[in-house]
Amino acid sequence: MTDDELFQEIQAGESKTTEFKLMLPARNEKYIKTLVAFANTVGGKLIIGIDDEAHSIVGVSEATEVMDMIASTLSQTCLPILTPNIHKRNINGKDIVIVEIYPGSNTPYYIKSQGVDKGTYVRVGATTHHADEVMIRELQLRGASQSYDEQIYVDMPYSKEDSLALCNAIERYRQKSAEAKGNEAPKNKVTPKTLENWGVLKCFDGRLVPTRAFMLLTSNPFEFAQIQCAQFKGTDRIVFLDKREYGGPLYEQIEEAVQFVLRNIKYGAEIKGLLRENSFELPIIAIREAIVNATIHRSFQLTSCVQVALYDDRLEVSSPGALFGSLTLEKALAGSTALRNPKVAEVFKQMDLFESWGTGLRRIQESCEKLGLPEPEFQVIGDLFRVNIFRLVPETKVAPKQNVSPKVSPKVSPKQNVNQKVTPKVNQKTLAYNPAQLEEEILRLLKENPEISQVHLADITSLSRSSIQRCLASLKETGRIKRVGSNRAGSWIVIE
């Protein structure tokens, strides 16, 4: 990394992969837990000698001693032992210390004196948090190079009928996919032995036993392993127009959920040249990809369901579980992938419902662009991954405001007077479909006026109140803001 690139990273402020310290804290835990969190998630850098408030380089004295102290402390306080890349850089005559941690393979990493339960940390947004029980279990499986879906499901005996039903379903999907592409279906038949080779069934004590993947793809006894679908009136989760819950084999749930969306969106015709083309208002490719990805990459250790919510302005698909392992949103958009449920993924791949090249998000983007839709939005909100596919909403005409005589001052409450300090409206289209830019704009407005209301934020940005609420919720989830006092009389604190 060049000096200019490092300076730009400092100017950008703290993030999921970057944290600054003015000096090495006297209490080791204050920085060790951050390094542990980096190792347990996507890696990152702790840079010492930076004033985060001013985004300026202050430097540290005795940089070599600081580096030795960090290395010694890590070796004594962490299990498994962390092996960071510690080095110093001289920028404009000032030394800074950079501690770079890579994603670890022996997770969970934790502070030895606190034990696994209390000493395991993860990175959420730009803050460090204790890992909960679900996250610790997932880290333990990762460290053992195992997945949740390959574990033997001891509560249910193996069913030959379910096994043959799954084999027949895979054959049907293969045939259908081959016909659609004008190809021949694979000649090798899928049998229970094939499922065993894929790791969906396992041999134990000379007999076949089901894995969790097998159960998810057959009888599926898990109440949380469902897809909840709903259509709402307007842009908020207030008034239901339609609501369904789909259980059973995961692949059947996906088909039901896709059909639910198609039933509730517009279908029309367009004349292109001499031909009439019928199409839905949202691309089927994007709908299917979003729902398949939400199902295949979800965490089955979380007891919430995949949710497919249709609003007047968007389709929102939410998947329990943040991005898996060392995968970041930037890497995912660039084509990287990490499989949380590799056995389910293998079956979906054989059904041609999924391909393992990491192109799903890009296909969603391209299909929306081809249809002339706004750019879709991908969000990591705490332990949730969400895809928003935006509908084209007709512009509504707003009656012009009446001029107020300069001799008459309209009565406003003290709260309104405070709100009027903020800046003029910003460009709606840019902010509506650029969540990162919207969050930065909201943070700026909250800094200028901590008592500003959601209504006034919506007015300034020309966005709906629901969009503002989603943005504020995301900022709170990632630890960048917090609310002090009541909703009516409280204020916002921006956490630097």
Foldseek 3Di string as FASTA:
>chain_A
DDPVVVLVVLVVAFKLAEDEALACDPDNVVCLLSLLQLQLFQWHKYKYQADRVVSDGRADPPLVVVQVVNQVCQCPFKPPRFDWDWDWDADPNGIMIMTTGGHHQQDNMFGVVLDLQATGWHGFIRDIDRDHPLSRVLRNCSNVVHFQQLAFDPVDFDDQVQQVVLQVLLQVLQCVVCVVVVHHRDPDGDHSVNLCVLSQWDADPNDITGTNLSCLQGAVPQPQLKEKEFEAEADDPDHTPDIDIDGGHPVVRLVVRLVVVQVPFDWDWDDDPPDIDIDTQADSLLSLLLSVCLNFAADPSDSHHWYWYHYPWKTKTKHFFFADHNDDPVNLCVFDHDGNNSSNQVSCVSSVSDDHRSCSLVSNQVRCVVSVFAGWDWDGAQGMTMIIGTGDDDDDDDDDDDDDDPVDDDDDDPLVVLLVVDDAADAQSVCLHPLVVVLVVVLVRCVSRFSHALVSSCRRPVHDSVSSVVSVSRCVRNPQKDWDDDNNGTTMDGDD
